[in-house]
Amino acid sequence: MTAVWTSIVVLAVANFLIKAAGPVLLGGRELPQPLLNVIALLAPAILAALVVVGTFSEDSSLRIDAQAAGVAVSGAAFVFRVPMLPAIFLGALSAALVRAL
């Protein structure tokens, strides 16, 4: 077995053990409310981090371009309670206008 397949198998086993540890350690008990509150906030935080990294990074340097302008306009539209579809359209339109200039 090559080093790549060995790494894949080791990571798969580690992933299984980590996922199985929660139910085994809790044994059917409910999680405490503060922990549930933190878990509820993890998905939006990870999504925001992925958007920021995908928008503003390129080869470990900061990149400000048309895509960043589109995300900024869409974000501002969401702040002003614009519905999702028009906010996305405004972001795409602003990115297209910045690229055209």
PDB file of N, CA and C in Angstrom:
ATOM      1  N   MET A   1       0.849  -1.174   0.000  1.00  0.00           N
ATOM      2  CA  MET A   1       0.000   0.000   0.000  1.00  0.00           C
ATOM      3  C   MET A   1       0.898   1.243   0.000  1.00  0.00           C
ATOM      4  N   THR A   2       0.547   2.220  -0.834  1.00  0.00           N
ATOM      5  CA  THR A   2       1.375   3.413  -0.942  1.00  0.00           C
ATOM      6  C   THR A   2       1.115   4.350   0.229  1.00  0.00           C
ATOM      7  N   ALA A   3       1.936   5.370   0.326  1.00  0.00           N
ATOM      8  CA  ALA A   3       1.802   6.342   1.415  1.00  0.00           C
ATOM      9  C   ALA A   3       0.487   7.103   1.318  1.00  0.00           C
ATOM     10  N   VAL A   4       0.019   7.338   0.106  1.00  0.00           N
ATOM     11  CA  VAL A   4      -1.250   8.053  -0.065  1.00  0.00           C
ATOM     12  C   VAL A   4      -2.398   7.231   0.508  1.00  0.00           C
ATOM     13  N   TRP A   5      -2.445   5.947   0.161  1.00  0.00           N
ATOM     14  CA  TRP A   5      -3.531   5.108   0.657  1.00  0.00           C
ATOM     15  C   TRP A   5      -3.424   4.884   2.154  1.00  0.00           C
ATOM     16  N   THR A   6      -2.222   4.803   2.659  1.00  0.00           N
ATOM     17  CA  THR A   6      -2.046   4.677   4.100  1.00  0.00           C
ATOM     18  C   THR A   6      -2.588   5.919   4.801  1.00  0.00           C
ATOM     19  N   SER A   7      -2.299   7.079   4.262  1.00  0.00           N
ATOM     20  CA  SER A   7      -2.809   8.321   4.836  1.00  0.00           C
ATOM     21  C   SER A   7      -4.332   8.367   4.786  1.00  0.00           C
ATOM     22  N   ILE A   8      -4.911   7.935   3.675  1.00  0.00           N
ATOM     23  CA  ILE A   8      -6.371   7.939   3.542  1.00  0.00           C
ATOM     24  C   ILE A   8      -7.000   7.010   4.575  1.00  0.00           C
ATOM     25  N   VAL A   9      -6.457   5.828   4.740  1.00  0.00           N
ATOM     26  CA  VAL A   9      -7.007   4.878   5.708  1.00  0.00           C
ATOM     27  C   VAL A   9      -6.866   5.407   7.123  1.00  0.00           C
ATOM     28  N   VAL A  10      -5.714   5.965   7.459  1.00  0.00           N
ATOM     29  CA  VAL A  10      -5.502   6.505   8.806  1.00  0.00           C
ATOM     30  C   VAL A  10      -6.469   7.654   9.077  1.00  0.00           C
ATOM     31  N   LEU A  11      -6.646   8.542   8.122  1.00  0.00           N
ATOM     32  CA  LEU A  11      -7.581   9.657   8.302  1.00  0.00           C
ATOM     33  C   LEU A  11      -9.025   9.178   8.386  1.00  0.00           C
ATOM     34  N   ALA A  12      -9.392   8.169   7.621  1.00  0.00           N
ATOM     35  CA  ALA A  12     -10.751   7.630   7.690  1.00  0.00           C
ATOM     36  C   ALA A  12     -11.023   7.014   9.057  1.00  0.00           C
ATOM     37  N   VAL A  13     -10.067   6.264   9.580  1.00  0.00           N
ATOM     38  CA  VAL A  13     -10.234   5.662  10.908  1.00  0.00           C
ATOM     39  C   VAL A  13     -10.293   6.745  11.987  1.00  0.00           C
ATOM     40  N   ALA A  14      -9.438   7.742  11.882  1.00  0.00           N
ATOM     41  CA  ALA A  14      -9.455   8.837  12.857  1.00  0.00           C
ATOM     42  C   ALA A  14     -10.779   9.592  12.801  1.00  0.00           C
ATOM     43  N   ASN A  15     -11.282   9.831  11.604  1.00  0.00           N
ATOM     44  CA  ASN A  15     -12.566  10.505  11.444  1.00  0.00           C
ATOM     45  C   ASN A  15     -13.686   9.684  12.087  1.00  0.00           C
ATOM     46  N   PHE A  16     -13.698   8.380  11.857  1.00  0.00           N
ATOM     47  CA  PHE A  16     -14.708   7.516  12.458  1.00  0.00           C
ATOM     48  C   PHE A  16     -14.627   7.546  13.978  1.00  0.00           C
ATOM     49  N   LEU A  17     -13.424   7.482  14.531  1.00  0.00           N
ATOM     50  CA  LEU A  17     -13.269   7.483  15.986  1.00  0.00           C
ATOM     51  C   LEU A  17     -13.720   8.802  16.604  1.00  0.00           C
ATOM     52  N   ILE A  18     -13.426   9.903  15.938  1.00  0.00           N
ATOM     53  CA  ILE A  18     -13.849  11.208  16.457  1.00  0.00           C
ATOM     54  C   ILE A  18     -15.374  11.312  16.433  1.00  0.00           C
ATOM     55  N   LYS A  19     -15.998  10.871  15.333  1.00  0.00           N
ATOM     56  CA  LYS A  19     -17.462  10.951  15.235  1.00  0.00           C
ATOM     57  C   LYS A  19     -18.142   9.991  16.202  1.00  0.00           C
ATOM     58  N   ALA A  20     -17.534   8.846  16.473  1.00  0.00           N
ATOM     59  CA  ALA A  20     -18.126   7.875  17.385  1.00  0.00           C
ATOM     60  C   ALA A  20     -17.914   8.260  18.840  1.00  0.00           C
ATOM     61  N   ALA A  21     -16.948   9.113  19.127  1.00  0.00           N
ATOM     62  CA  ALA A  21     -16.640   9.454  20.514  1.00  0.00           C
ATOM     63  C   ALA A  21     -17.795  10.196  21.189  1.00  0.00           C
ATOM     64  N   GLY A  22     -18.508  11.047  20.467  1.00  0.00           N
ATOM     65  CA  GLY A  22     -19.602  11.808  21.069  1.00  0.00           C
ATOM     66  C   GLY A  22     -20.700  10.926  21.626  1.00  0.00           C
ATOM     67  N   PRO A  23     -21.323  10.088  20.804  1.00  0.00           N
ATOM     68  CA  PRO A  23     -22.378   9.212  21.340  1.00  0.00           C
ATOM     69  C   PRO A  23     -21.879   8.243  22.418  1.00  0.00           C
ATOM     70  N   VAL A  24     -20.658   7.759  22.274  1.00  0.00           N
ATOM     71  CA  VAL A  24     -20.137   6.817  23.264  1.00  0.00           C
ATOM     72  C   VAL A  24     -19.931   7.515  24.604  1.00  0.00           C
ATOM     73  N   LEU A  25     -19.358   8.719  24.590  1.00  0.00           N
ATOM     74  CA  LEU A  25     -19.087   9.436  25.840  1.00  0.00           C
ATOM     75  C   LEU A  25     -20.350   9.994  26.484  1.00  0.00           C
ATOM     76  N   LEU A  26     -21.322  10.422  25.660  1.00  0.00           N
ATOM     77  CA  LEU A  26     -22.551  10.979  26.235  1.00  0.00           C
ATOM     78  C   LEU A  26     -23.490   9.897  26.737  1.00  0.00           C
ATOM     79  N   GLY A  27     -23.547   8.788  26.055  1.00  0.00           N
ATOM     80  CA  GLY A  27     -24.379   7.679  26.503  1.00  0.00           C
ATOM     81  C   GLY A  27     -25.858   8.007  26.571  1.00  0.00           C
ATOM     82  N   GLY A  28     -26.382   8.780  25.616  1.00  0.00           N
ATOM     83  CA  GLY A  28     -27.800   9.089  25.583  1.00  0.00           C
ATOM     84  C   GLY A  28     -28.202  10.327  26.367  1.00  0.00           C
ATOM     85  N   ARG A  29     -27.276  10.957  27.067  1.00  0.00           N
ATOM     86  CA  ARG A  29     -27.604  12.174  27.817  1.00  0.00           C
ATOM     87  C   ARG A  29     -27.679  13.361  26.875  1.00  0.00           C
ATOM     88  N   GLU A  30     -28.435  14.371  27.274  1.00  0.00           N
ATOM     89  CA  GLU A  30     -28.549  15.601  26.495  1.00  0.00           C
ATOM     90  C   GLU A  30     -27.314  16.468  26.731  1.00  0.00           C
ATOM     91  N   LEU A  31     -26.933  17.225  25.698  1.00  0.00           N
ATOM     92  CA  LEU A  31     -25.834  18.168  25.853  1.00  0.00           C
ATOM     93  C   LEU A  31     -26.291  19.353  26.684  1.00  0.00           C
ATOM     94  N   PRO A  32     -25.391  19.973  27.435  1.00  0.00           N
ATOM     95  CA  PRO A  32     -25.752  21.175  28.189  1.00  0.00           C
ATOM     96  C   PRO A  32     -26.124  22.315  27.225  1.00  0.00           C
ATOM     97  N   GLN A  33     -27.001  23.195  27.668  1.00  0.00           N
ATOM     98  CA  GLN A  33     -27.495  24.284  26.824  1.00  0.00           C
ATOM     99  C   GLN A  33     -26.382  25.205  26.328  1.00  0.00           C
ATOM    100  N   PRO A  34     -25.391  25.583  27.162  1.00  0.00           N
ATOM    101  CA  PRO A  34     -24.313  26.448  26.624  1.00  0.00           C
ATOM    102  C   PRO A  34     -23.564  25.793  25.460  1.00  0.00           C
ATOM    103  N   LEU A  35     -23.375  24.494  25.520  1.00  0.00           N
ATOM    104  CA  LEU A  35     -22.692  23.791  24.439  1.00  0.00           C
ATOM    105  C   LEU A  35     -23.557  23.746  23.181  1.00  0.00           C
ATOM    106  N   LEU A  36     -24.858  23.570  23.347  1.00  0.00           N
ATOM    107  CA  LEU A  36     -25.758  23.607  22.192  1.00  0.00           C
ATOM    108  C   LEU A  36     -25.755  24.983  21.538  1.00  0.00           C
ATOM    109  N   ASN A  37     -25.661  26.035  22.349  1.00  0.00           N
ATOM    110  CA  ASN A  37     -25.603  27.398  21.801  1.00  0.00           C
ATOM    111  C   ASN A  37     -24.343  27.604  20.969  1.00  0.00           C
ATOM    112  N   VAL A  38     -23.223  27.081  21.435  1.00  0.00           N
ATOM    113  CA  VAL A  38     -21.969  27.207  20.690  1.00  0.00           C
ATOM    114  C   VAL A  38     -22.035  26.410  19.398  1.00  0.00           C
ATOM    115  N   ILE A  39     -22.575  25.210  19.456  1.00  0.00           N
ATOM    116  CA  ILE A  39     -22.672  24.367  18.268  1.00  0.00           C
ATOM    117  C   ILE A  39     -23.564  25.025  17.216  1.00  0.00           C
ATOM    118  N   ALA A  40     -24.628  25.704  17.662  1.00  0.00           N
ATOM    119  CA  ALA A  40     -25.530  26.375  16.722  1.00  0.00           C
ATOM    120  C   ALA A  40     -24.835  27.506  15.977  1.00  0.00           C
ATOM    121  N   LEU A  41     -23.805  28.088  16.576  1.00  0.00           N
ATOM    122  CA  LEU A  41     -23.096  29.199  15.942  1.00  0.00           C
ATOM    123  C   LEU A  41     -21.924  28.749  15.074  1.00  0.00           C
ATOM    124  N   LEU A  42     -21.566  27.483  15.112  1.00  0.00           N
ATOM    125  CA  LEU A  42     -20.393  27.019  14.364  1.00  0.00           C
ATOM    126  C   LEU A  42     -20.600  27.060  12.849  1.00  0.00           C
ATOM    127  N   ALA A  43     -21.742  26.615  12.357  1.00  0.00           N
ATOM    128  CA  ALA A  43     -21.958  26.560  10.909  1.00  0.00           C
ATOM    129  C   ALA A  43     -21.908  27.950  10.272  1.00  0.00           C
ATOM    130  N   PRO A  44     -22.594  28.977  10.816  1.00  0.00           N
ATOM    131  CA  PRO A  44     -22.474  30.303  10.207  1.00  0.00           C
ATOM    132  C   PRO A  44     -21.051  30.864  10.282  1.00  0.00           C
ATOM    133  N   ALA A  45     -20.347  30.581  11.364  1.00  0.00           N
ATOM    134  CA  ALA A  45     -18.981  31.084  11.483  1.00  0.00           C
ATOM    135  C   ALA A  45     -18.057  30.435  10.460  1.00  0.00           C
ATOM    136  N   ILE A  46     -18.191  29.134  10.262  1.00  0.00           N
ATOM    137  CA  ILE A  46     -17.364  28.442   9.271  1.00  0.00           C
ATOM    138  C   ILE A  46     -17.706  28.909   7.863  1.00  0.00           C
ATOM    139  N   LEU A  47     -18.994  29.095   7.577  1.00  0.00           N
ATOM    140  CA  LEU A  47     -19.401  29.581   6.263  1.00  0.00           C
ATOM    141  C   LEU A  47     -18.844  30.976   5.999  1.00  0.00           C
ATOM    142  N   ALA A  48     -18.916  31.853   7.000  1.00  0.00           N
ATOM    143  CA  ALA A  48     -18.364  33.202   6.836  1.00  0.00           C
ATOM    144  C   ALA A  48     -16.856  33.152   6.606  1.00  0.00           C
ATOM    145  N   ALA A  49     -16.169  32.291   7.325  1.00  0.00           N
ATOM    146  CA  ALA A  49     -14.726  32.163   7.135  1.00  0.00           C
ATOM    147  C   ALA A  49     -14.388  31.663   5.736  1.00  0.00           C
ATOM    148  N   LEU A  50     -15.151  30.709   5.232  1.00  0.00           N
ATOM    149  CA  LEU A  50     -14.910  30.212   3.877  1.00  0.00           C
ATOM    150  C   LEU A  50     -15.155  31.290   2.828  1.00  0.00           C
ATOM    151  N   VAL A  51     -16.189  32.099   3.013  1.00  0.00           N
ATOM    152  CA  VAL A  51     -16.465  33.190   2.072  1.00  0.00           C
ATOM    153  C   VAL A  51     -15.330  34.208   2.096  1.00  0.00           C
ATOM    154  N   VAL A  52     -14.864  34.565   3.279  1.00  0.00           N
ATOM    155  CA  VAL A  52     -13.786  35.555   3.386  1.00  0.00           C
ATOM    156  C   VAL A  52     -12.505  35.029   2.746  1.00  0.00           C
ATOM    157  N   VAL A  53     -12.148  33.797   3.045  1.00  0.00           N
ATOM    158  CA  VAL A  53     -10.920  33.236   2.473  1.00  0.00           C
ATOM    159  C   VAL A  53     -11.042  33.109   0.961  1.00  0.00           C
ATOM    160  N   GLY A  54     -12.187  32.647   0.484  1.00  0.00           N
ATOM    161  CA  GLY A  54     -12.370  32.495  -0.958  1.00  0.00           C
ATOM    162  C   GLY A  54     -12.429  33.808  -1.706  1.00  0.00           C
ATOM    163  N   THR A  55     -12.874  34.865  -1.033  1.00  0.00           N
ATOM    164  CA  THR A  55     -13.027  36.158  -1.689  1.00  0.00           C
ATOM    165  C   THR A  55     -11.747  36.976  -1.660  1.00  0.00           C
ATOM    166  N   PHE A  56     -11.054  36.978  -0.542  1.00  0.00           N
ATOM    167  CA  PHE A  56      -9.964  37.925  -0.346  1.00  0.00           C
ATOM    168  C   PHE A  56      -8.561  37.329  -0.365  1.00  0.00           C
ATOM    169  N   SER A  57      -8.413  36.037  -0.611  1.00  0.00           N
ATOM    170  CA  SER A  57      -7.060  35.478  -0.558  1.00  0.00           C
ATOM    171  C   SER A  57      -6.654  34.901  -1.903  1.00  0.00           C
ATOM    172  N   GLU A  58      -5.394  35.072  -2.197  1.00  0.00           N
ATOM    173  CA  GLU A  58      -4.820  34.496  -3.406  1.00  0.00           C
ATOM    174  C   GLU A  58      -3.323  34.315  -3.168  1.00  0.00           C
ATOM    175  N   ASP A  59      -2.883  33.080  -3.131  1.00  0.00           N
ATOM    176  CA  ASP A  59      -1.466  32.773  -2.903  1.00  0.00           C
ATOM    177  C   ASP A  59      -0.942  33.455  -1.654  1.00  0.00           C
ATOM    178  N   SER A  60      -1.655  33.335  -0.559  1.00  0.00           N
ATOM    179  CA  SER A  60      -1.310  33.889   0.756  1.00  0.00           C
ATOM    180  C   SER A  60      -1.087  35.401   0.721  1.00  0.00           C
ATOM    181  N   SER A  61      -1.815  36.087  -0.134  1.00  0.00           N
ATOM    182  CA  SER A  61      -1.774  37.551  -0.142  1.00  0.00           C
ATOM    183  C   SER A  61      -3.200  38.073  -0.254  1.00  0.00           C
ATOM    184  N   LEU A  62      -3.397  39.305   0.142  1.00  0.00           N
ATOM    185  CA  LEU A  62      -4.721  39.913   0.122  1.00  0.00           C
ATOM    186  C   LEU A  62      -5.073  40.352  -1.289  1.00  0.00           C
ATOM    187  N   ARG A  63      -6.297  40.056  -1.716  1.00  0.00           N
ATOM    188  CA  ARG A  63      -6.736  40.390  -3.062  1.00  0.00           C
ATOM    189  C   ARG A  63      -8.039  41.171  -2.967  1.00  0.00           C
ATOM    190  N   ILE A  64      -8.053  42.368  -3.506  1.00  0.00           N
ATOM    191  CA  ILE A  64      -9.277  43.170  -3.585  1.00  0.00           C
ATOM    192  C   ILE A  64      -9.575  43.355  -5.070  1.00  0.00           C
ATOM    193  N   ASP A  65     -10.699  42.788  -5.520  1.00  0.00           N
ATOM    194  CA  ASP A  65     -11.043  42.852  -6.932  1.00  0.00           C
ATOM    195  C   ASP A  65     -12.552  42.936  -7.090  1.00  0.00           C
ATOM    196  N   ALA A  66     -13.033  42.630  -8.269  1.00  0.00           N
ATOM    197  CA  ALA A  66     -14.465  42.731  -8.555  1.00  0.00           C
ATOM    198  C   ALA A  66     -15.278  41.777  -7.684  1.00  0.00           C
ATOM    199  N   GLN A  67     -14.729  40.607  -7.399  1.00  0.00           N
ATOM    200  CA  GLN A  67     -15.444  39.652  -6.561  1.00  0.00           C
ATOM    201  C   GLN A  67     -15.642  40.223  -5.154  1.00  0.00           C
ATOM    202  N   ALA A  68     -14.627  40.889  -4.626  1.00  0.00           N
ATOM    203  CA  ALA A  68     -14.755  41.514  -3.308  1.00  0.00           C
ATOM    204  C   ALA A  68     -15.804  42.611  -3.326  1.00  0.00           C
ATOM    205  N   ALA A  69     -15.866  43.366  -4.401  1.00  0.00           N
ATOM    206  CA  ALA A  69     -16.886  44.413  -4.511  1.00  0.00           C
ATOM    207  C   ALA A  69     -18.282  43.802  -4.537  1.00  0.00           C
ATOM    208  N   GLY A  70     -18.455  42.713  -5.248  1.00  0.00           N
ATOM    209  CA  GLY A  70     -19.754  42.052  -5.298  1.00  0.00           C
ATOM    210  C   GLY A  70     -20.184  41.523  -3.945  1.00  0.00           C
ATOM    211  N   VAL A  71     -19.261  40.926  -3.206  1.00  0.00           N
ATOM    212  CA  VAL A  71     -19.584  40.427  -1.866  1.00  0.00           C
ATOM    213  C   VAL A  71     -19.929  41.588  -0.935  1.00  0.00           C
ATOM    214  N   ALA A  72     -19.197  42.691  -1.059  1.00  0.00           N
ATOM    215  CA  ALA A  72     -19.476  43.855  -0.218  1.00  0.00           C
ATOM    216  C   ALA A  72     -20.860  44.436  -0.508  1.00  0.00           C
ATOM    217  N   VAL A  73     -21.216  44.543  -1.766  1.00  0.00           N
ATOM    218  CA  VAL A  73     -22.534  45.078  -2.126  1.00  0.00           C
ATOM    219  C   VAL A  73     -23.640  44.134  -1.661  1.00  0.00           C
ATOM    220  N   SER A  74     -23.459  42.838  -1.837  1.00  0.00           N
ATOM    221  CA  SER A  74     -24.463  41.884  -1.358  1.00  0.00           C
ATOM    222  C   SER A  74     -24.585  41.937   0.157  1.00  0.00           C
ATOM    223  N   GLY A  75     -23.459  42.048   0.837  1.00  0.00           N
ATOM    224  CA  GLY A  75     -23.493  42.163   2.296  1.00  0.00           C
ATOM    225  C   GLY A  75     -24.214  43.414   2.750  1.00  0.00           C
ATOM    226  N   ALA A  76     -23.957  44.538   2.072  1.00  0.00           N
ATOM    227  CA  ALA A  76     -24.650  45.781   2.415  1.00  0.00           C
ATOM    228  C   ALA A  76     -26.146  45.656   2.144  1.00  0.00           C
ATOM    229  N   ALA A  77     -26.502  44.970   1.081  1.00  0.00           N
ATOM    230  CA  ALA A  77     -27.924  44.773   0.782  1.00  0.00           C
ATOM    231  C   ALA A  77     -28.595  43.941   1.874  1.00  0.00           C
ATOM    232  N   PHE A  78     -27.909  42.932   2.369  1.00  0.00           N
ATOM    233  CA  PHE A  78     -28.471  42.137   3.455  1.00  0.00           C
ATOM    234  C   PHE A  78     -28.624  42.961   4.726  1.00  0.00           C
ATOM    235  N   VAL A  79     -27.677  43.862   4.981  1.00  0.00           N
ATOM    236  CA  VAL A  79     -27.777  44.730   6.158  1.00  0.00           C
ATOM    237  C   VAL A  79     -29.023  45.597   6.069  1.00  0.00           C
ATOM    238  N   PHE A  80     -29.358  46.050   4.871  1.00  0.00           N
ATOM    239  CA  PHE A  80     -30.541  46.888   4.676  1.00  0.00           C
ATOM    240  C   PHE A  80     -31.808  46.067   4.426  1.00  0.00           C
ATOM    241  N   ARG A  81     -31.767  44.767   4.753  1.00  0.00           N
ATOM    242  CA  ARG A  81     -32.927  43.877   4.699  1.00  0.00           C
ATOM    243  C   ARG A  81     -33.507  43.694   3.299  1.00  0.00           C
ATOM    244  N   VAL A  82     -32.645  43.735   2.299  1.00  0.00           N
ATOM    245  CA  VAL A  82     -33.081  43.427   0.936  1.00  0.00           C
ATOM    246  C   VAL A  82     -33.248  41.908   0.853  1.00  0.00           C
ATOM    247  N   PRO A  83     -34.295  41.409   0.191  1.00  0.00           N
ATOM    248  CA  PRO A  83     -34.455  39.952   0.056  1.00  0.00           C
ATOM    249  C   PRO A  83     -33.247  39.312  -0.648  1.00  0.00           C
ATOM    250  N   MET A  84     -33.108  38.007  -0.460  1.00  0.00           N
ATOM    251  CA  MET A  84     -31.897  37.322  -0.902  1.00  0.00           C
ATOM    252  C   MET A  84     -31.656  37.408  -2.410  1.00  0.00           C
ATOM    253  N   LEU A  85     -32.655  37.123  -3.216  1.00  0.00           N
ATOM    254  CA  LEU A  85     -32.454  37.106  -4.665  1.00  0.00           C
ATOM    255  C   LEU A  85     -32.041  38.476  -5.211  1.00  0.00           C
ATOM    256  N   PRO A  86     -32.703  39.571  -4.840  1.00  0.00           N
ATOM    257  CA  PRO A  86     -32.230  40.875  -5.303  1.00  0.00           C
ATOM    258  C   PRO A  86     -30.841  41.236  -4.763  1.00  0.00           C
ATOM    259  N   ALA A  87     -30.529  40.815  -3.537  1.00  0.00           N
ATOM    260  CA  ALA A  87     -29.202  41.097  -2.983  1.00  0.00           C
ATOM    261  C   ALA A  87     -28.116  40.388  -3.788  1.00  0.00           C
ATOM    262  N   ILE A  88     -28.369  39.145  -4.165  1.00  0.00           N
ATOM    263  CA  ILE A  88     -27.405  38.410  -4.989  1.00  0.00           C
ATOM    264  C   ILE A  88     -27.287  39.056  -6.363  1.00  0.00           C
ATOM    265  N   PHE A  89     -28.402  39.467  -6.920  1.00  0.00           N
ATOM    266  CA  PHE A  89     -28.376  40.135  -8.220  1.00  0.00           C
ATOM    267  C   PHE A  89     -27.579  41.435  -8.140  1.00  0.00           C
ATOM    268  N   LEU A  90     -27.778  42.214  -7.077  1.00  0.00           N
ATOM    269  CA  LEU A  90     -27.016  43.462  -6.922  1.00  0.00           C
ATOM    270  C   LEU A  90     -25.515  43.187  -6.806  1.00  0.00           C
ATOM    271  N   GLY A  91     -25.152  42.142  -6.081  1.00  0.00           N
ATOM    272  CA  GLY A  91     -23.742  41.784  -5.961  1.00  0.00           C
ATOM    273  C   GLY A  91     -23.145  41.371  -7.292  1.00  0.00           C
ATOM    274  N   ALA A  92     -23.881  40.561  -8.045  1.00  0.00           N
ATOM    275  CA  ALA A  92     -23.394  40.134  -9.357  1.00  0.00           C
ATOM    276  C   ALA A  92     -23.295  41.313 -10.317  1.00  0.00           C
ATOM    277  N   LEU A  93     -24.277  42.196 -10.267  1.00  0.00           N
ATOM    278  CA  LEU A  93     -24.256  43.379 -11.131  1.00  0.00           C
ATOM    279  C   LEU A  93     -23.085  44.292 -10.794  1.00  0.00           C
ATOM    280  N   SER A  94     -22.849  44.514  -9.511  1.00  0.00           N
ATOM    281  CA  SER A  94     -21.730  45.384  -9.138  1.00  0.00           C
ATOM    282  C   SER A  94     -20.387  44.756  -9.509  1.00  0.00           C
ATOM    283  N   ALA A  95     -20.263  43.434  -9.359  1.00  0.00           N
ATOM    284  CA  ALA A  95     -19.021  42.770  -9.760  1.00  0.00           C
ATOM    285  C   ALA A  95     -18.811  42.884 -11.272  1.00  0.00           C
ATOM    286  N   ALA A  96     -19.889  42.729 -12.031  1.00  0.00           N
ATOM    287  CA  ALA A  96     -19.774  42.865 -13.481  1.00  0.00           C
ATOM    288  C   ALA A  96     -19.386  44.281 -13.874  1.00  0.00           C
ATOM    289  N   LEU A  97     -19.958  45.277 -13.201  1.00  0.00           N
ATOM    290  CA  LEU A  97     -19.614  46.670 -13.521  1.00  0.00           C
ATOM    291  C   LEU A  97     -18.156  46.975 -13.177  1.00  0.00           C
ATOM    292  N   VAL A  98     -17.686  46.469 -12.037  1.00  0.00           N
ATOM    293  CA  VAL A  98     -16.275  46.694 -11.668  1.00  0.00           C
ATOM    294  C   VAL A  98     -15.353  46.024 -12.670  1.00  0.00           C
ATOM    295  N   ARG A  99     -15.705  44.814 -13.113  1.00  0.00           N
ATOM    296  CA  ARG A  99     -14.879  44.121 -14.111  1.00  0.00           C
ATOM    297  C   ARG A  99     -14.891  44.876 -15.447  1.00  0.00           C
ATOM    298  N   ALA A 100     -16.031  45.457 -15.785  1.00  0.00           N
ATOM    299  CA  ALA A 100     -16.119  46.189 -17.053  1.00  0.00           C
ATOM    300  C   ALA A 100     -15.256  47.456 -17.019  1.00  0.00           C
ATOM    301  N   LEU A 101     -15.117  48.030 -15.865  1.00  0.00           N
ATOM    302  CA  LEU A 101     -14.284  49.243 -15.763  1.00  0.00           C
ATOM    303  C   LEU A 101     -12.844  48.835 -15.700  1.00  0.00           C
TER     304      LEU A 101
END
